[in-house]
Structures are given as structure tokens and as C-alpha cells.
Amino acid sequence: PKWKAKMLDVVDTVGDWVYVRTNSYFWLHLIGWTIMSFVWSGFVAAGGASSNMPYIDSLFYAVSTLTGTGLTTRDLSTETISIKVLLFVPMMFSGAVFESSIPVFLRLIRLRKLRIQPDISEGYYQTLNQETATAVILCILIWTYYFLVQFVAFIVLGFYTQYSSNGLAVMQANNINPWWWTTYQVFSSFNNCG
């Protein structure tokens, strides 16, 4: 389809600009997190409009969530469900494990561009194929680790808080859903520590 070809062209153009002009993952990381912080703070500000949250608090929440620091300027337990969900979503993508897949994806984009050049030798083409296969395997390993570790931790901690007398007593005393608490704890702990 035409839209898919256009999307790939945009990705190639952005990848070339980042790779060639900055030639550093540092700049990509800095630009990406800055843009994400401002965009996500807009979502948080819109979600917190009913509680009259100042934009600076929304920005602080967004940056804190995206960087995995967990700092807050307000009592998070008094915030609305929409704010909690808006803070939970970027937390899933702010850890070291997720970030380690970004350079691999950029390399795959670059390899794709190199493979379509008409004047490459057969030996170089085989090297590109091997490097592409290795990068794909690395992506699979990263994402398998990312989801599997969190899933196992979610099941273990979830069953403990739901079915043990001590865990359930704490959840009931604080009027907290054990599975929501488990989800939040697993994701925040994993993305802070990997």
C-alpha cells in the first residue's frame, strides 16, 4: 500500500537525519525524551483539568514517570484514575530494558537501507544478512525478557496479595485492588531496576 511505503520513507528519513547528522545515540535519547516529556505532560494536564492541576505539576509528573524517578509534587493517591493511568503507560516504556531495544531498531532501519543499494557486493550482502539476523534475534531476546520477567513477577506477587492472609489484609485495610497494586509495583520496580 502507498501509506506503508510513505511511512517507511519517513522512518528512513528520520533515521538518516538522526544517524548521519548527530551520529550519536545521546542526541537521539535527549531529543526523544524531551519531546516525550512535553507531549505526555500535555496529556497529564488534560487529564488533570478537573482537579485544577497546574501545568508545572503535569510536567513534573511526566518527566518523573518517563525517567523512572517516581518523584511527585502532589499526593498521587488523591489523583483521579485517568491521571494514574496516564502516569502508568509511559512508565512501561521508560526502563533500561526497553531503551536497550531502541539502538537495535535504529540499526535495523540502517541495515534495511544498506541492503537495497544496487551496487553492493555479494560478500557484503551476506554480511548485512548476518547482521540483520543477529539484530532481529537480539530484539526477540530483549522483548522476551521484558515481558516474561514482568509476567512471572505479576503472577507471583498478584497471587500473594490476593490469596495470602497478610497480603490481603494490607490491601483491604488500604482499600486497594490487589491486582492493580501488583501491576503498578511490578512495572515500576522492573523499569527502575531492569
Protein backbone atom coordinates (compact mmCIF):
# COMPACT_ATOMS: atom_id res chain seq x y z
CA PRO A 1 0.00 0.00 0.00
CA LYS A 2 1.04 3.59 -0.60
CA TRP A 3 0.68 4.64 3.03
CA LYS A 4 3.08 1.89 4.13
CA ALA A 5 5.70 2.99 1.60
CA LYS A 6 5.33 6.60 2.72
CA MET A 7 5.65 5.58 6.37
CA LEU A 8 8.84 3.63 5.61
CA ASP A 9 10.22 6.65 3.74
CA VAL A 10 9.52 8.88 6.74
CA VAL A 11 11.20 6.37 9.08
CA ASP A 12 14.20 6.19 6.71
CA THR A 13 14.45 9.97 6.53
CA VAL A 14 14.25 10.39 10.30
CA GLY A 15 16.68 7.53 10.82
CA ASP A 16 19.14 9.09 8.34
CA TRP A 17 18.88 12.51 9.96
CA VAL A 18 19.47 11.12 13.43
CA TYR A 19 22.19 8.69 12.36
CA VAL A 20 24.13 10.90 9.97
CA ARG A 21 23.76 14.40 11.36
CA THR A 22 24.01 13.69 15.05
CA ASN A 23 25.84 10.35 14.78
CA SER A 24 25.20 9.77 18.45
CA TYR A 25 22.61 7.89 20.43
CA PHE A 26 22.98 10.56 23.12
CA TRP A 27 21.31 13.21 20.94
CA LEU A 28 18.55 10.86 19.88
CA HIS A 29 17.92 9.99 23.50
CA LEU A 30 17.93 13.61 24.64
CA ILE A 31 15.65 14.83 21.86
CA GLY A 32 13.29 11.88 22.24
CA TRP A 33 12.86 12.22 25.99
CA THR A 34 12.44 16.00 25.76
CA ILE A 35 9.69 15.70 23.16
CA MET A 36 8.03 12.83 25.03
CA SER A 37 8.10 14.81 28.28
CA PHE A 38 6.32 17.80 26.79
CA VAL A 39 3.80 15.74 24.84
CA TRP A 40 2.99 13.50 27.79
CA SER A 41 2.73 16.45 30.17
CA GLY A 42 0.01 17.80 27.86
CA PHE A 43 -1.91 14.54 28.23
CA VAL A 44 -1.49 14.64 32.01
CA ALA A 45 -2.57 18.30 32.13
CA ALA A 46 -5.67 17.48 30.10
CA GLY A 47 -6.45 14.50 32.34
CA GLY A 48 -5.94 16.60 35.47
CA ALA A 49 -8.02 19.57 34.30
CA SER A 50 -10.88 18.58 36.61
CA SER A 51 -8.60 18.79 39.66
CA ASN A 52 -7.12 22.16 38.63
CA MET A 53 -3.62 20.72 38.33
CA PRO A 54 -1.07 23.37 37.30
CA TYR A 55 0.88 22.60 34.13
CA ILE A 56 4.19 22.60 36.01
CA ASP A 57 2.91 19.70 38.14
CA SER A 58 1.85 17.87 34.98
CA LEU A 59 5.31 18.40 33.50
CA PHE A 60 6.96 17.22 36.72
CA TYR A 61 4.75 14.09 36.79
CA ALA A 62 5.52 13.34 33.12
CA VAL A 63 9.29 13.78 33.44
CA SER A 64 9.35 11.81 36.68
CA THR A 65 7.41 8.96 35.11
CA LEU A 66 9.42 8.90 31.90
CA THR A 67 12.74 8.91 33.72
CA GLY A 68 11.66 6.37 36.32
CA THR A 69 12.45 8.56 39.34
CA GLY A 70 9.00 8.30 40.92
CA LEU A 71 9.06 11.82 42.34
CA THR A 72 5.77 13.65 42.79
CA THR A 73 4.70 17.16 43.74
CA ARG A 74 1.24 16.12 44.87
CA ASP A 75 -0.28 13.19 46.73
CA LEU A 76 -0.72 10.58 43.99
CA SER A 77 -3.35 8.67 45.96
CA THR A 78 -5.71 11.65 45.68
CA GLU A 79 -5.38 11.92 41.89
CA THR A 80 -8.04 10.65 39.52
CA ILE A 81 -7.89 7.26 37.81
CA SER A 82 -7.18 8.98 34.49
CA ILE A 83 -4.04 10.62 35.92
CA LYS A 84 -2.86 7.31 37.37
CA VAL A 85 -3.37 5.54 34.04
CA LEU A 86 -1.64 8.38 32.16
CA LEU A 87 1.33 8.03 34.51
CA PHE A 88 1.34 4.24 34.29
CA VAL A 89 1.54 4.00 30.50
CA PRO A 90 4.86 5.85 29.97
CA MET A 91 6.33 4.07 32.97
CA MET A 92 6.16 0.85 30.94
CA PHE A 93 8.45 2.36 28.29
CA SER A 94 10.94 4.21 30.47
CA GLY A 95 13.14 1.40 31.71
CA ALA A 96 16.62 0.39 30.67
CA VAL A 97 15.41 -2.85 29.08
CA PHE A 98 13.01 -1.08 26.74
CA GLU A 99 15.56 1.61 25.95
CA SER A 100 18.15 -1.00 25.02
CA SER A 101 15.97 -2.04 22.08
CA ILE A 102 15.99 1.44 20.52
CA PRO A 103 19.58 1.35 19.17
CA VAL A 104 18.92 -2.13 17.79
CA PHE A 105 15.82 -0.87 15.95
CA LEU A 106 17.80 2.07 14.57
CA ARG A 107 20.46 -0.34 13.37
CA LEU A 108 17.80 -2.48 11.67
CA ILE A 109 16.50 0.60 9.85
CA ARG A 110 20.02 1.43 8.73
CA LEU A 111 20.66 -2.16 7.60
CA ARG A 112 17.42 -2.15 5.62
CA LYS A 113 18.58 0.96 3.79
CA LEU A 114 22.02 -0.54 3.08
CA ARG A 115 20.53 -3.78 1.74
CA ILE A 116 18.54 -2.07 -1.01
CA GLN A 117 21.56 -0.39 -2.60
CA PRO A 118 22.09 -1.87 -6.08
CA ASP A 119 25.89 -1.74 -6.15
CA ILE A 120 26.83 -3.90 -3.15
CA SER A 121 28.96 -6.99 -3.49
CA GLU A 122 27.73 -10.49 -2.70
CA GLY A 123 30.06 -10.82 0.32
CA TYR A 124 28.91 -7.53 1.77
CA TYR A 125 25.28 -8.51 1.16
CA GLN A 126 25.83 -11.75 3.13
CA THR A 127 27.41 -9.77 5.96
CA LEU A 128 24.37 -7.47 6.02
CA ASN A 129 22.08 -10.52 6.15
CA GLN A 130 24.01 -11.98 9.07
CA GLU A 131 23.99 -8.68 10.96
CA THR A 132 20.27 -8.25 10.30
CA ALA A 133 19.55 -11.77 11.59
CA THR A 134 21.64 -11.08 14.69
CA ALA A 135 19.82 -7.79 15.37
CA VAL A 136 16.43 -9.48 14.96
CA ILE A 137 17.45 -12.22 17.43
CA LEU A 138 18.63 -9.54 19.87
CA CYS A 139 15.27 -7.74 19.60
CA ILE A 140 13.44 -11.00 20.25
CA LEU A 141 15.60 -11.67 23.32
CA ILE A 142 15.10 -8.17 24.71
CA TRP A 143 11.33 -8.26 24.30
CA THR A 144 11.02 -11.81 25.60
CA TYR A 145 12.95 -10.82 28.71
CA TYR A 146 10.91 -7.61 29.04
CA PHE A 147 7.54 -9.35 29.01
CA LEU A 148 8.39 -12.72 30.58
CA VAL A 149 10.08 -11.39 33.72
CA GLN A 150 7.28 -8.92 34.38
CA PHE A 151 4.60 -11.51 33.71
CA VAL A 152 6.11 -14.04 36.14
CA ALA A 153 6.55 -11.35 38.80
CA PHE A 154 2.98 -10.17 38.22
CA ILE A 155 1.56 -13.68 38.71
CA VAL A 156 3.62 -14.43 41.84
CA LEU A 157 3.01 -11.08 43.55
CA GLY A 158 -0.62 -10.98 42.43
CA PHE A 159 -1.43 -14.36 43.92
CA TYR A 160 0.39 -13.44 47.12
CA THR A 161 -1.53 -10.19 47.62
CA GLN A 162 -4.84 -11.74 46.63
CA TYR A 163 -4.71 -15.06 48.48
CA SER A 164 -2.35 -14.75 51.45
CA SER A 165 -3.90 -13.53 54.66
CA ASN A 166 -1.15 -10.94 55.27
CA GLY A 167 -1.18 -9.53 51.74
CA LEU A 168 -4.96 -9.39 51.53
CA ALA A 169 -5.21 -7.75 54.97
CA VAL A 170 -2.93 -4.90 53.86
CA MET A 171 -4.89 -4.45 50.61
CA GLN A 172 -8.24 -4.43 52.40
CA ALA A 173 -7.02 -2.07 55.13
CA ASN A 174 -5.98 0.45 52.49
CA ASN A 175 -8.93 -0.21 50.16
CA ILE A 176 -6.65 -1.15 47.26
CA ASN A 177 -7.31 -3.62 44.47
CA PRO A 178 -4.55 -6.26 44.85
CA TRP A 179 -4.15 -6.79 41.10
CA TRP A 180 -3.89 -3.09 40.30
CA TRP A 181 -1.34 -2.66 43.09
CA THR A 182 0.60 -5.67 41.79
CA THR A 183 0.60 -4.33 38.24
CA TYR A 184 1.89 -0.95 39.37
CA GLN A 185 4.56 -2.43 41.65
CA VAL A 186 5.85 -4.92 39.09
CA PHE A 187 6.14 -2.39 36.28
CA SER A 188 7.64 0.37 38.40
CA SER A 189 10.16 -1.95 40.07
CA PHE A 190 11.19 -3.64 36.81
CA ASN A 191 11.61 -0.38 34.94
CA ASN A 192 13.70 1.14 37.72
CA CYS A 193 15.94 -1.90 38.07
CA GLY A 194 15.55 -3.88 34.84
